[in-house]
Each structure stands twice: as C-alpha cells, then as structure tokens.
PDB file of N, CA and C in Angstrom:
ATOM      1  N   MET A   1      28.726   6.536 -76.898  1.00  0.00           N
ATOM      2  CA  MET A   1      27.588   6.849 -76.374  1.00  0.00           C
ATOM      3  C   MET A   1      27.745   7.200 -74.437  1.00  0.00           C
ATOM      4  N   ARG A   2      26.695   8.632 -74.452  1.00  0.00           N
ATOM      5  CA  ARG A   2      26.432   8.682 -72.746  1.00  0.00           C
ATOM      6  C   ARG A   2      26.287   8.231 -72.335  1.00  0.00           C
ATOM      7  N   ALA A   3      26.076   8.982 -70.968  1.00  0.00           N
ATOM      8  CA  ALA A   3      24.943   7.560 -69.751  1.00  0.00           C
ATOM      9  C   ALA A   3      24.088   7.169 -70.211  1.00  0.00           C
ATOM     10  N   THR A   4      23.268   8.899 -70.953  1.00  0.00           N
ATOM     11  CA  THR A   4      21.667   8.540 -71.388  1.00  0.00           C
ATOM     12  C   THR A   4      20.994   7.345 -72.562  1.00  0.00           C
ATOM     13  N   GLY A   5      22.499   6.890 -72.393  1.00  0.00           N
ATOM     14  CA  GLY A   5      22.235   6.060 -74.103  1.00  0.00           C
ATOM     15  C   GLY A   5      21.960   6.545 -74.875  1.00  0.00           C
ATOM     16  N   LEU A   6      22.085   7.824 -75.308  1.00  0.00           N
ATOM     17  CA  LEU A   6      21.332   8.063 -76.452  1.00  0.00           C
ATOM     18  C   LEU A   6      23.412   8.674 -77.391  1.00  0.00           C
ATOM     19  N   PRO A   7      23.742   8.143 -78.450  1.00  0.00           N
ATOM     20  CA  PRO A   7      24.859   8.648 -78.844  1.00  0.00           C
ATOM     21  C   PRO A   7      25.309   9.822 -79.123  1.00  0.00           C
ATOM     22  N   LEU A   8      27.089   9.988 -79.419  1.00  0.00           N
ATOM     23  CA  LEU A   8      26.637  11.172 -78.411  1.00  0.00           C
ATOM     24  C   LEU A   8      27.062  12.066 -79.595  1.00  0.00           C
ATOM     25  N   LEU A   9      26.627  12.514 -81.127  1.00  0.00           N
ATOM     26  CA  LEU A   9      25.647  13.437 -81.686  1.00  0.00           C
ATOM     27  C   LEU A   9      24.823  13.726 -81.827  1.00  0.00           C
ATOM     28  N   ASP A  10      23.720  12.567 -80.903  1.00  0.00           N
ATOM     29  CA  ASP A  10      22.471  12.490 -80.963  1.00  0.00           C
ATOM     30  C   ASP A  10      22.067  13.683 -79.831  1.00  0.00           C
ATOM     31  N   ALA A  11      22.867  13.711 -78.738  1.00  0.00           N
ATOM     32  CA  ALA A  11      23.187  14.548 -77.678  1.00  0.00           C
ATOM     33  C   ALA A  11      23.669  15.417 -77.588  1.00  0.00           C
ATOM     34  N   ILE A  12      23.989  16.096 -78.640  1.00  0.00           N
ATOM     35  CA  ILE A  12      25.003  17.196 -79.207  1.00  0.00           C
ATOM     36  C   ILE A  12      24.142  17.844 -80.234  1.00  0.00           C
ATOM     37  N   ALA A  13      22.900  17.345 -80.879  1.00  0.00           N
ATOM     38  CA  ALA A  13      21.858  17.759 -81.244  1.00  0.00           C
ATOM     39  C   ALA A  13      21.395  18.594 -80.390  1.00  0.00           C
ATOM     40  N   ALA A  14      20.857  17.644 -80.031  1.00  0.00           N
ATOM     41  CA  ALA A  14      20.045  17.964 -78.452  1.00  0.00           C
ATOM     42  C   ALA A  14      20.484  19.283 -77.550  1.00  0.00           C
ATOM     43  N   ASP A  15      21.470  19.592 -77.462  1.00  0.00           N
ATOM     44  CA  ASP A  15      21.820  20.401 -77.161  1.00  0.00           C
ATOM     45  C   ASP A  15      21.495  21.781 -78.457  1.00  0.00           C
ATOM     46  N   GLN A  16      21.890  21.475 -79.248  1.00  0.00           N
ATOM     47  CA  GLN A  16      21.914  22.799 -80.422  1.00  0.00           C
ATOM     48  C   GLN A  16      20.455  23.163 -80.224  1.00  0.00           C
ATOM     49  N   ALA A  17      19.564  22.050 -80.415  1.00  0.00           N
ATOM     50  CA  ALA A  17      18.073  21.921 -80.645  1.00  0.00           C
ATOM     51  C   ALA A  17      17.708  23.350 -79.393  1.00  0.00           C
ATOM     52  N   LEU A  18      18.603  22.579 -78.461  1.00  0.00           N
ATOM     53  CA  LEU A  18      17.318  22.924 -77.352  1.00  0.00           C
ATOM     54  C   LEU A  18      18.348  25.550 -77.033  1.00  0.00           C
ATOM     55  N   GLU A  19      19.522  25.149 -77.648  1.00  0.00           N
ATOM     56  CA  GLU A  19      19.875  26.833 -77.807  1.00  0.00           C
ATOM     57  C   GLU A  19      19.008  26.963 -78.635  1.00  0.00           C
ATOM     58  N   GLU A  20      18.424  27.044 -79.673  1.00  0.00           N
ATOM     59  CA  GLU A  20      18.162  27.721 -80.909  1.00  0.00           C
ATOM     60  C   GLU A  20      16.880  27.875 -80.729  1.00  0.00           C
ATOM     61  N   ALA A  21      15.618  26.742 -80.115  1.00  0.00           N
ATOM     62  CA  ALA A  21      14.422  27.048 -79.862  1.00  0.00           C
ATOM     63  C   ALA A  21      14.174  28.663 -78.390  1.00  0.00           C
ATOM     64  N   LEU A  22      16.040  28.134 -77.358  1.00  0.00           N
ATOM     65  CA  LEU A  22      15.650  28.881 -76.513  1.00  0.00           C
ATOM     66  C   LEU A  22      16.237  30.568 -77.084  1.00  0.00           C
ATOM     67  N   SER A  23      16.612  30.316 -78.257  1.00  0.00           N
ATOM     68  CA  SER A  23      17.013  32.356 -78.989  1.00  0.00           C
ATOM     69  C   SER A  23      16.001  31.944 -80.022  1.00  0.00           C
ATOM     70  N   ARG A  24      14.960  31.358 -80.313  1.00  0.00           N
ATOM     71  CA  ARG A  24      13.800  32.114 -80.493  1.00  0.00           C
ATOM     72  C   ARG A  24      12.475  32.870 -79.787  1.00  0.00           C
ATOM     73  N   VAL A  25      12.763  31.740 -78.593  1.00  0.00           N
ATOM     74  CA  VAL A  25      12.261  32.271 -77.037  1.00  0.00           C
ATOM     75  C   VAL A  25      12.441  33.846 -76.789  1.00  0.00           C
ATOM     76  N   LYS A  26      13.406  34.121 -76.906  1.00  0.00           N
ATOM     77  CA  LYS A  26      14.272  35.649 -76.755  1.00  0.00           C
ATOM     78  C   LYS A  26      14.510  36.192 -77.431  1.00  0.00           C
ATOM     79  N   ASP A  27      14.051  35.481 -79.278  1.00  0.00           N
ATOM     80  CA  ASP A  27      14.068  36.647 -80.019  1.00  0.00           C
ATOM     81  C   ASP A  27      12.648  37.024 -79.823  1.00  0.00           C
ATOM     82  N   ASN A  28      11.827  36.549 -79.813  1.00  0.00           N
ATOM     83  CA  ASN A  28      10.602  36.667 -79.899  1.00  0.00           C
ATOM     84  C   ASN A  28       9.575  37.621 -78.650  1.00  0.00           C
ATOM     85  N   ASN A  29      10.823  37.832 -77.435  1.00  0.00           N
ATOM     86  CA  ASN A  29      10.105  38.504 -76.840  1.00  0.00           C
ATOM     87  C   ASN A  29      11.064  39.269 -76.294  1.00  0.00           C
ATOM     88  N   GLU A  30      11.831  40.209 -76.787  1.00  0.00           N
ATOM     89  CA  GLU A  30      12.973  40.586 -76.855  1.00  0.00           C
ATOM     90  C   GLU A  30      12.879  41.697 -76.051  1.00  0.00           C
ATOM     91  N   GLN A  31      12.074  42.639 -76.085  1.00  0.00           N
ATOM     92  CA  GLN A  31      12.142  43.861 -75.096  1.00  0.00           C
ATOM     93  C   GLN A  31      11.202  43.263 -73.756  1.00  0.00           C
ATOM     94  N   TRP A  32      10.538  42.044 -73.877  1.00  0.00           N
ATOM     95  CA  TRP A  32       9.658  41.869 -72.436  1.00  0.00           C
ATOM     96  C   TRP A  32      11.598  41.418 -71.493  1.00  0.00           C
ATOM     97  N   MET A  33      12.310  40.280 -72.434  1.00  0.00           N
ATOM     98  CA  MET A  33      13.216  40.399 -71.751  1.00  0.00           C
ATOM     99  C   MET A  33      13.994  40.673 -70.918  1.00  0.00           C
ATOM    100  N   ALA A  34      14.604  42.159 -72.007  1.00  0.00           N
ATOM    101  CA  ALA A  34      15.293  42.947 -71.760  1.00  0.00           C
ATOM    102  C   ALA A  34      14.635  43.964 -70.127  1.00  0.00           C
ATOM    103  N   LEU A  35      13.082  44.350 -70.017  1.00  0.00           N
ATOM    104  CA  LEU A  35      13.113  44.532 -68.379  1.00  0.00           C
ATOM    105  C   LEU A  35      12.811  43.436 -68.034  1.00  0.00           C
ATOM    106  N   ALA A  36      12.426  42.186 -67.765  1.00  0.00           N
ATOM    107  CA  ALA A  36      12.617  41.394 -67.195  1.00  0.00           C
ATOM    108  C   ALA A  36      14.011  41.207 -66.197  1.00  0.00           C
ATOM    109  N   LEU A  37      15.178  41.437 -67.319  1.00  0.00           N
ATOM    110  CA  LEU A  37      16.848  41.307 -66.443  1.00  0.00           C
ATOM    111  C   LEU A  37      16.691  42.416 -65.712  1.00  0.00           C
ATOM    112  N   VAL A  38      16.595  43.772 -66.316  1.00  0.00           N
ATOM    113  CA  VAL A  38      16.807  44.849 -65.866  1.00  0.00           C
ATOM    114  C   VAL A  38      16.126  44.906 -64.129  1.00  0.00           C
ATOM    115  N   GLN A  39      14.594  44.262 -64.015  1.00  0.00           N
ATOM    116  CA  GLN A  39      13.901  44.689 -62.882  1.00  0.00           C
ATOM    117  C   GLN A  39      14.390  43.510 -62.038  1.00  0.00           C
ATOM    118  N   LEU A  40      14.497  42.655 -62.521  1.00  0.00           N
ATOM    119  CA  LEU A  40      15.249  41.202 -61.995  1.00  0.00           C
ATOM    120  C   LEU A  40      16.687  41.356 -60.882  1.00  0.00           C
ATOM    121  N   ARG A  41      17.470  42.545 -62.019  1.00  0.00           N
ATOM    122  CA  ARG A  41      18.564  43.279 -61.117  1.00  0.00           C
ATOM    123  C   ARG A  41      18.069  44.342 -60.038  1.00  0.00           C
ATOM    124  N   GLN A  42      16.997  44.531 -60.313  1.00  0.00           N
ATOM    125  CA  GLN A  42      16.944  45.808 -58.985  1.00  0.00           C
ATOM    126  C   GLN A  42      16.374  45.375 -57.890  1.00  0.00           C
ATOM    127  N   PHE A  43      15.459  43.948 -58.394  1.00  0.00           N
ATOM    128  CA  PHE A  43      15.074  42.946 -57.019  1.00  0.00           C
ATOM    129  C   PHE A  43      16.012  42.314 -55.782  1.00  0.00           C
ATOM    130  N   ALA A  44      17.471  42.509 -56.792  1.00  0.00           N
ATOM    131  CA  ALA A  44      18.831  41.443 -56.403  1.00  0.00           C
ATOM    132  C   ALA A  44      19.353  42.894 -56.065  1.00  0.00           C
ATOM    133  N   LEU A  45      19.481  43.668 -56.079  1.00  0.00           N
ATOM    134  CA  LEU A  45      20.327  44.912 -55.477  1.00  0.00           C
ATOM    135  C   LEU A  45      19.081  45.408 -53.862  1.00  0.00           C
ATOM    136  N   SER A  46      17.755  45.155 -54.415  1.00  0.00           N
ATOM    137  CA  SER A  46      16.912  45.569 -53.060  1.00  0.00           C
ATOM    138  C   SER A  46      17.238  44.780 -52.025  1.00  0.00           C
ATOM    139  N   HIS A  47      16.331  45.299 -50.648  1.00  0.00           N
ATOM    140  CA  HIS A  47      16.951  44.749 -49.764  1.00  0.00           C
ATOM    141  C   HIS A  47      15.767  43.610 -49.683  1.00  0.00           C
ATOM    142  N   ASP A  48      14.699  44.108 -50.027  1.00  0.00           N
ATOM    143  CA  ASP A  48      13.876  42.854 -49.761  1.00  0.00           C
ATOM    144  C   ASP A  48      14.206  41.576 -50.847  1.00  0.00           C
ATOM    145  N   ALA A  49      14.878  41.555 -51.739  1.00  0.00           N
ATOM    146  CA  ALA A  49      15.242  40.591 -52.778  1.00  0.00           C
ATOM    147  C   ALA A  49      16.078  39.839 -51.193  1.00  0.00           C
ATOM    148  N   TRP A  50      17.189  40.397 -51.203  1.00  0.00           N
ATOM    149  CA  TRP A  50      18.454  39.913 -50.299  1.00  0.00           C
ATOM    150  C   TRP A  50      17.637  38.795 -49.011  1.00  0.00           C
ATOM    151  N   ALA A  51      16.319  39.773 -48.108  1.00  0.00           N
ATOM    152  CA  ALA A  51      15.257  38.469 -47.250  1.00  0.00           C
ATOM    153  C   ALA A  51      15.084  37.557 -47.072  1.00  0.00           C
ATOM    154  N   ASN A  52      14.195  37.668 -48.909  1.00  0.00           N
ATOM    155  CA  ASN A  52      12.799  36.833 -49.280  1.00  0.00           C
ATOM    156  C   ASN A  52      14.190  35.781 -49.596  1.00  0.00           C
ATOM    157  N   THR A  53      15.519  36.183 -50.016  1.00  0.00           N
ATOM    158  CA  THR A  53      16.184  34.634 -50.464  1.00  0.00           C
ATOM    159  C   THR A  53      17.287  34.162 -49.462  1.00  0.00           C
ATOM    160  N   GLU A  54      16.747  34.248 -48.112  1.00  0.00           N
ATOM    161  CA  GLU A  54      17.810  33.726 -47.480  1.00  0.00           C
ATOM    162  C   GLU A  54      16.712  32.086 -47.154  1.00  0.00           C
ATOM    163  N   HIS A  55      16.237  31.478 -47.867  1.00  0.00           N
ATOM    164  CA  HIS A  55      16.156  29.615 -48.017  1.00  0.00           C
ATOM    165  C   HIS A  55      16.138  29.854 -49.444  1.00  0.00           C
ATOM    166  N   GLY A  56      16.678  31.053 -50.402  1.00  0.00           N
ATOM    167  CA  GLY A  56      16.637  30.834 -51.396  1.00  0.00           C
ATOM    168  C   GLY A  56      15.388  30.897 -52.561  1.00  0.00           C
ATOM    169  N   ILE A  57      15.125  31.176 -53.776  1.00  0.00           N
ATOM    170  CA  ILE A  57      14.083  31.698 -54.240  1.00  0.00           C
ATOM    171  C   ILE A  57      14.104  30.753 -55.662  1.00  0.00           C
ATOM    172  N   THR A  58      12.912  30.739 -56.403  1.00  0.00           N
ATOM    173  CA  THR A  58      12.786  29.795 -57.569  1.00  0.00           C
ATOM    174  C   THR A  58      12.965  30.596 -58.567  1.00  0.00           C
ATOM    175  N   GLY A  59      12.151  29.718 -59.686  1.00  0.00           N
ATOM    176  CA  GLY A  59      11.910  30.798 -61.172  1.00  0.00           C
ATOM    177  C   GLY A  59      10.788  31.073 -60.607  1.00  0.00           C
ATOM    178  N   GLU A  60       8.510  30.527 -60.269  1.00  0.00           N
ATOM    179  CA  GLU A  60       8.350  30.566 -59.726  1.00  0.00           C
ATOM    180  C   GLU A  60       8.363  31.873 -58.866  1.00  0.00           C
ATOM    181  N   ASP A  61       8.370  31.605 -58.239  1.00  0.00           N
ATOM    182  CA  ASP A  61       9.554  32.870 -56.881  1.00  0.00           C
ATOM    183  C   ASP A  61       9.054  34.227 -57.893  1.00  0.00           C
ATOM    184  N   ILE A  62      10.329  33.948 -59.424  1.00  0.00           N
ATOM    185  CA  ILE A  62      11.011  35.360 -60.175  1.00  0.00           C
ATOM    186  C   ILE A  62       9.824  35.570 -60.380  1.00  0.00           C
ATOM    187  N   ARG A  63       9.026  34.974 -61.267  1.00  0.00           N
ATOM    188  CA  ARG A  63       7.624  34.888 -61.645  1.00  0.00           C
ATOM    189  C   ARG A  63       6.792  35.748 -61.350  1.00  0.00           C
ATOM    190  N   PHE A  64       6.346  34.768 -59.933  1.00  0.00           N
ATOM    191  CA  PHE A  64       4.930  35.797 -58.966  1.00  0.00           C
ATOM    192  C   PHE A  64       5.707  37.826 -58.819  1.00  0.00           C
ATOM    193  N   MET A  65       7.223  37.836 -58.408  1.00  0.00           N
ATOM    194  CA  MET A  65       7.893  38.976 -58.312  1.00  0.00           C
ATOM    195  C   MET A  65       7.739  40.138 -59.605  1.00  0.00           C
ATOM    196  N   LEU A  66       7.610  39.629 -60.646  1.00  0.00           N
ATOM    197  CA  LEU A  66       8.543  40.600 -62.033  1.00  0.00           C
ATOM    198  C   LEU A  66       6.564  40.179 -62.546  1.00  0.00           C
ATOM    199  N   LEU A  67       5.657  39.008 -62.224  1.00  0.00           N
ATOM    200  CA  LEU A  67       4.427  39.763 -62.974  1.00  0.00           C
ATOM    201  C   LEU A  67       3.435  41.292 -62.630  1.00  0.00           C
ATOM    202  N   PRO A  68       3.720  41.416 -61.790  1.00  0.00           N
ATOM    203  CA  PRO A  68       2.909  42.467 -61.716  1.00  0.00           C
ATOM    204  C   PRO A  68       3.987  43.539 -62.495  1.00  0.00           C
ATOM    205  N   HIS A  69       4.709  44.357 -61.993  1.00  0.00           N
ATOM    206  CA  HIS A  69       5.790  45.014 -63.276  1.00  0.00           C
ATOM    207  C   HIS A  69       5.614  44.644 -64.117  1.00  0.00           C
ATOM    208  N   ILE A  70       6.104  43.656 -65.614  1.00  0.00           N
ATOM    209  CA  ILE A  70       6.324  43.344 -66.233  1.00  0.00           C
ATOM    210  C   ILE A  70       5.562  42.828 -67.182  1.00  0.00           C
ATOM    211  N   GLY A  71       4.463  42.486 -66.423  1.00  0.00           N
ATOM    212  CA  GLY A  71       3.124  41.427 -67.298  1.00  0.00           C
ATOM    213  C   GLY A  71       4.237  40.088 -67.838  1.00  0.00           C
ATOM    214  N   HIS A  72       3.284  38.988 -68.724  1.00  0.00           N
ATOM    215  CA  HIS A  72       3.362  38.057 -68.835  1.00  0.00           C
ATOM    216  C   HIS A  72       3.717  38.379 -70.785  1.00  0.00           C
ATOM    217  N   PRO A  73       4.778  37.522 -70.347  1.00  0.00           N
ATOM    218  CA  PRO A  73       6.045  37.681 -72.081  1.00  0.00           C
ATOM    219  C   PRO A  73       4.329  37.270 -73.869  1.00  0.00           C
ATOM    220  N   THR A  74       5.126  36.828 -74.213  1.00  0.00           N
ATOM    221  CA  THR A  74       4.611  36.031 -75.253  1.00  0.00           C
ATOM    222  C   THR A  74       4.320  35.092 -75.479  1.00  0.00           C
ATOM    223  N   THR A  75       5.104  33.907 -74.675  1.00  0.00           N
ATOM    224  CA  THR A  75       4.943  32.525 -74.185  1.00  0.00           C
ATOM    225  C   THR A  75       5.311  32.694 -72.870  1.00  0.00           C
ATOM    226  N   PRO A  76       5.113  31.635 -72.573  1.00  0.00           N
ATOM    227  CA  PRO A  76       4.943  30.939 -70.893  1.00  0.00           C
ATOM    228  C   PRO A  76       6.455  30.306 -70.803  1.00  0.00           C
ATOM    229  N   LYS A  77       7.235  29.958 -71.846  1.00  0.00           N
ATOM    230  CA  LYS A  77       8.490  29.640 -71.883  1.00  0.00           C
ATOM    231  C   LYS A  77       9.571  30.585 -71.821  1.00  0.00           C
ATOM    232  N   ALA A  78       8.879  31.382 -71.512  1.00  0.00           N
ATOM    233  CA  ALA A  78      10.310  32.830 -71.808  1.00  0.00           C
ATOM    234  C   ALA A  78       9.801  32.830 -70.819  1.00  0.00           C
ATOM    235  N   TRP A  79       9.612  32.592 -69.383  1.00  0.00           N
ATOM    236  CA  TRP A  79      10.393  32.607 -68.031  1.00  0.00           C
ATOM    237  C   TRP A  79      10.940  31.588 -68.226  1.00  0.00           C
ATOM    238  N   GLY A  80      11.378  30.162 -68.637  1.00  0.00           N
ATOM    239  CA  GLY A  80      12.602  29.675 -68.540  1.00  0.00           C
ATOM    240  C   GLY A  80      13.648  30.150 -69.344  1.00  0.00           C
ATOM    241  N   ALA A  81      13.745  31.070 -70.586  1.00  0.00           N
ATOM    242  CA  ALA A  81      15.049  30.870 -71.112  1.00  0.00           C
ATOM    243  C   ALA A  81      15.078  32.701 -70.064  1.00  0.00           C
ATOM    244  N   LEU A  82      14.169  33.042 -68.984  1.00  0.00           N
ATOM    245  CA  LEU A  82      14.569  34.484 -69.003  1.00  0.00           C
ATOM    246  C   LEU A  82      15.586  33.724 -67.172  1.00  0.00           C
ATOM    247  N   ILE A  83      15.308  33.092 -66.477  1.00  0.00           N
ATOM    248  CA  ILE A  83      15.579  32.413 -66.151  1.00  0.00           C
ATOM    249  C   ILE A  83      17.227  31.533 -66.136  1.00  0.00           C
ATOM    250  N   GLY A  84      17.805  30.924 -67.661  1.00  0.00           N
ATOM    251  CA  GLY A  84      18.677  30.765 -68.559  1.00  0.00           C
ATOM    252  C   GLY A  84      19.671  31.953 -68.583  1.00  0.00           C
ATOM    253  N   ALA A  85      19.119  33.212 -68.934  1.00  0.00           N
ATOM    254  CA  ALA A  85      19.774  34.668 -68.629  1.00  0.00           C
ATOM    255  C   ALA A  85      20.088  34.869 -67.989  1.00  0.00           C
ATOM    256  N   ALA A  86      19.548  34.606 -66.945  1.00  0.00           N
ATOM    257  CA  ALA A  86      20.171  35.578 -65.332  1.00  0.00           C
ATOM    258  C   ALA A  86      20.991  34.627 -64.971  1.00  0.00           C
ATOM    259  N   ILE A  87      21.413  33.431 -65.282  1.00  0.00           N
ATOM    260  CA  ILE A  87      22.468  32.544 -64.523  1.00  0.00           C
ATOM    261  C   ILE A  87      23.149  33.345 -65.698  1.00  0.00           C
ATOM    262  N   LYS A  88      23.014  33.028 -66.111  1.00  0.00           N
ATOM    263  CA  LYS A  88      24.228  33.902 -67.480  1.00  0.00           C
ATOM    264  C   LYS A  88      24.956  35.059 -67.408  1.00  0.00           C
ATOM    265  N   LYS A  89      24.157  35.699 -67.159  1.00  0.00           N
ATOM    266  CA  LYS A  89      24.554  37.306 -66.632  1.00  0.00           C
ATOM    267  C   LYS A  89      24.858  37.185 -64.849  1.00  0.00           C
ATOM    268  N   GLU A  90      24.735  36.316 -64.098  1.00  0.00           N
ATOM    269  CA  GLU A  90      25.166  35.727 -63.072  1.00  0.00           C
ATOM    270  C   GLU A  90      24.757  36.878 -62.199  1.00  0.00           C
ATOM    271  N   ILE A  91      22.945  37.016 -62.409  1.00  0.00           N
ATOM    272  CA  ILE A  91      22.383  37.508 -61.347  1.00  0.00           C
ATOM    273  C   ILE A  91      21.452  37.113 -60.675  1.00  0.00           C
ATOM    274  N   ILE A  92      21.247  35.018 -60.776  1.00  0.00           N
ATOM    275  CA  ILE A  92      21.138  33.977 -60.013  1.00  0.00           C
ATOM    276  C   ILE A  92      22.112  33.284 -60.493  1.00  0.00           C
ATOM    277  N   GLU A  93      22.345  32.151 -59.636  1.00  0.00           N
ATOM    278  CA  GLU A  93      22.925  30.749 -59.374  1.00  0.00           C
ATOM    279  C   GLU A  93      22.358  29.660 -58.955  1.00  0.00           C
ATOM    280  N   ALA A  94      22.469  28.676 -59.047  1.00  0.00           N
ATOM    281  CA  ALA A  94      21.702  27.136 -58.376  1.00  0.00           C
ATOM    282  C   ALA A  94      22.399  27.258 -56.772  1.00  0.00           C
ATOM    283  N   THR A  95      21.427  26.739 -56.154  1.00  0.00           N
ATOM    284  CA  THR A  95      21.748  26.182 -55.111  1.00  0.00           C
ATOM    285  C   THR A  95      22.488  24.320 -54.939  1.00  0.00           C
ATOM    286  N   GLY A  96      21.482  24.150 -56.286  1.00  0.00           N
ATOM    287  CA  GLY A  96      21.313  23.132 -56.179  1.00  0.00           C
ATOM    288  C   GLY A  96      20.741  22.088 -55.007  1.00  0.00           C
ATOM    289  N   ALA A  97      19.522  22.963 -54.793  1.00  0.00           N
ATOM    290  CA  ALA A  97      18.453  22.722 -53.816  1.00  0.00           C
ATOM    291  C   ALA A  97      17.441  22.458 -54.678  1.00  0.00           C
ATOM    292  N   TYR A  98      16.292  21.541 -54.116  1.00  0.00           N
ATOM    293  CA  TYR A  98      14.681  22.248 -54.908  1.00  0.00           C
ATOM    294  C   TYR A  98      13.950  22.082 -53.627  1.00  0.00           C
ATOM    295  N   ARG A  99      12.471  22.155 -54.809  1.00  0.00           N
ATOM    296  CA  ARG A  99      11.708  23.070 -53.601  1.00  0.00           C
ATOM    297  C   ARG A  99      10.534  22.536 -54.189  1.00  0.00           C
ATOM    298  N   LYS A 100       8.813  21.960 -53.814  1.00  0.00           N
ATOM    299  CA  LYS A 100       7.643  21.429 -54.353  1.00  0.00           C
ATOM    300  C   LYS A 100       7.370  23.100 -54.590  1.00  0.00           C
ATOM    301  N   MET A 101       6.913  23.500 -56.368  1.00  0.00           N
ATOM    302  CA  MET A 101       6.388  24.374 -56.881  1.00  0.00           C
ATOM    303  C   MET A 101       4.990  24.789 -55.364  1.00  0.00           C
ATOM    304  N   LYS A 102       4.587  26.108 -55.933  1.00  0.00           N
ATOM    305  CA  LYS A 102       3.116  26.591 -54.815  1.00  0.00           C
ATOM    306  C   LYS A 102       2.234  26.361 -56.490  1.00  0.00           C
ATOM    307  N   ASP A 103       2.133  26.829 -57.152  1.00  0.00           N
ATOM    308  CA  ASP A 103       1.555  27.244 -58.520  1.00  0.00           C
ATOM    309  C   ASP A 103       0.206  26.202 -58.242  1.00  0.00           C
ATOM    310  N   VAL A 104      -0.673  26.012 -58.852  1.00  0.00           N
ATOM    311  CA  VAL A 104      -1.680  24.675 -58.628  1.00  0.00           C
ATOM    312  C   VAL A 104      -1.801  24.454 -59.823  1.00  0.00           C
ATOM    313  N   ARG A 105      -1.096  24.710 -60.592  1.00  0.00           N
ATOM    314  CA  ARG A 105      -1.613  24.039 -61.718  1.00  0.00           C
ATOM    315  C   ARG A 105      -0.222  23.684 -62.345  1.00  0.00           C
ATOM    316  N   SER A 106       0.992  23.752 -61.193  1.00  0.00           N
ATOM    317  CA  SER A 106       2.055  23.451 -61.531  1.00  0.00           C
ATOM    318  C   SER A 106       2.391  21.786 -60.972  1.00  0.00           C
ATOM    319  N   HIS A 107       1.149  21.643 -60.213  1.00  0.00           N
ATOM    320  CA  HIS A 107       0.601  20.251 -59.283  1.00  0.00           C
ATOM    321  C   HIS A 107       1.304  20.365 -58.881  1.00  0.00           C
ATOM    322  N   SER A 108       2.595  21.084 -57.459  1.00  0.00           N
ATOM    323  CA  SER A 108       3.284  20.766 -57.228  1.00  0.00           C
ATOM    324  C   SER A 108       4.883  19.949 -57.786  1.00  0.00           C
ATOM    325  N   ARG A 109       4.752  20.051 -59.072  1.00  0.00           N
ATOM    326  CA  ARG A 109       6.758  19.214 -59.066  1.00  0.00           C
ATOM    327  C   ARG A 109       7.441  20.160 -58.139  1.00  0.00           C
ATOM    328  N   LYS A 110       8.751  19.460 -58.334  1.00  0.00           N
ATOM    329  CA  LYS A 110       9.835  19.680 -57.616  1.00  0.00           C
ATOM    330  C   LYS A 110      10.749  21.019 -58.691  1.00  0.00           C
ATOM    331  N   THR A 111      10.769  22.065 -59.069  1.00  0.00           N
ATOM    332  CA  THR A 111      12.126  23.049 -58.951  1.00  0.00           C
ATOM    333  C   THR A 111      13.391  23.608 -58.525  1.00  0.00           C
ATOM    334  N   PRO A 112      14.359  23.746 -59.358  1.00  0.00           N
ATOM    335  CA  PRO A 112      15.531  24.185 -58.803  1.00  0.00           C
ATOM    336  C   PRO A 112      15.128  25.375 -57.786  1.00  0.00           C
ATOM    337  N   VAL A 113      15.772  26.037 -56.570  1.00  0.00           N
ATOM    338  CA  VAL A 113      16.175  26.373 -56.034  1.00  0.00           C
ATOM    339  C   VAL A 113      17.784  27.595 -55.768  1.00  0.00           C
ATOM    340  N   TYR A 114      17.777  29.064 -56.500  1.00  0.00           N
ATOM    341  CA  TYR A 114      18.260  29.932 -56.376  1.00  0.00           C
ATOM    342  C   TYR A 114      18.671  30.705 -56.283  1.00  0.00           C
ATOM    343  N   ARG A 115      19.679  31.355 -55.987  1.00  0.00           N
ATOM    344  CA  ARG A 115      20.058  32.501 -54.705  1.00  0.00           C
ATOM    345  C   ARG A 115      20.400  33.395 -54.990  1.00  0.00           C
ATOM    346  N   PHE A 116      20.133  34.861 -55.130  1.00  0.00           N
ATOM    347  CA  PHE A 116      20.969  36.056 -56.003  1.00  0.00           C
ATOM    348  C   PHE A 116      21.849  36.649 -55.931  1.00  0.00           C
ATOM    349  N   VAL A 117      23.531  36.425 -57.180  1.00  0.00           N
ATOM    350  CA  VAL A 117      25.083  36.919 -56.654  1.00  0.00           C
ATOM    351  C   VAL A 117      24.985  37.813 -57.157  1.00  0.00           C
ATOM    352  N   ILE A 118      24.081  39.138 -57.527  1.00  0.00           N
ATOM    353  CA  ILE A 118      25.021  40.712 -57.561  1.00  0.00           C
ATOM    354  C   ILE A 118      25.213  41.102 -56.095  1.00  0.00           C
ATOM    355  N   ALA A 119      26.246  41.862 -55.815  1.00  0.00           N
ATOM    356  CA  ALA A 119      26.929  42.941 -54.273  1.00  0.00           C
ATOM    357  C   ALA A 119      25.911  43.957 -54.801  1.00  0.00           C
ATOM    358  N   THR A 120      26.125  44.247 -53.498  1.00  0.00           N
ATOM    359  CA  THR A 120      25.565  45.753 -53.395  1.00  0.00           C
ATOM    360  C   THR A 120      26.321  46.399 -53.596  1.00  0.00           C
TER     361      THR A 120
END
C-alpha cells in the first residue's frame, strides 16, 4: 500500500485515468492547445515575461496573459492540461512555492507558482 492508503494497483489505475482524461481534453482542444503553447513560448522569450516572473507565475497568471490572445478553450480543464504540457515541454517549471489565487471564483485557494525555463 502507498502512504495514501490506496492499494498500489488502485493508485496506478488512478494515474492512468488522469492521463486519459488529460489526453481527451488536449484532443478536444488541439488547435487551442497548440496556439496556447506557441503564445506561452513567446511570452517566455519576451522581456516583459521575465520581468513579470521575478516572483514567479501561476497558472491563473498564465490564463490572464493568454486569454486576450487565444480566447477560451472548449472546457476550463484545458488550462490545467496546458500547464501540464508546458511543464513537459520545459517552458515552465514548478518552484515549490504556492500563492493565493486572485480570481473571485477561485475563493483565494492556493495554487503552485512556476517560473519560465526557456532561455533567450
């Protein structure tokens, strides 16, 4: 058993279910996701993005930055899939820090802080 109390096979199945769900979200937002990653790379390479990440950047910050440029995905879950893809593509990396979210609908819950890892 894992520390969570779940049998190992249940934990593996849960991880696989998460990967499948994220894959469906990506597939249903394929063009949006590609555009979002390109735009995020552009922000990462821009001077302003480096200045804005002195204290890190959250997924919420990324959403606020990208919305005017690429619009909304078909589901809000695509934002989480975008963050996962950006981590895998080494555009951003987790800092280990957390910060309260700003959007009223988020009820000030804490969210991971990232930093851009692309060098100019």
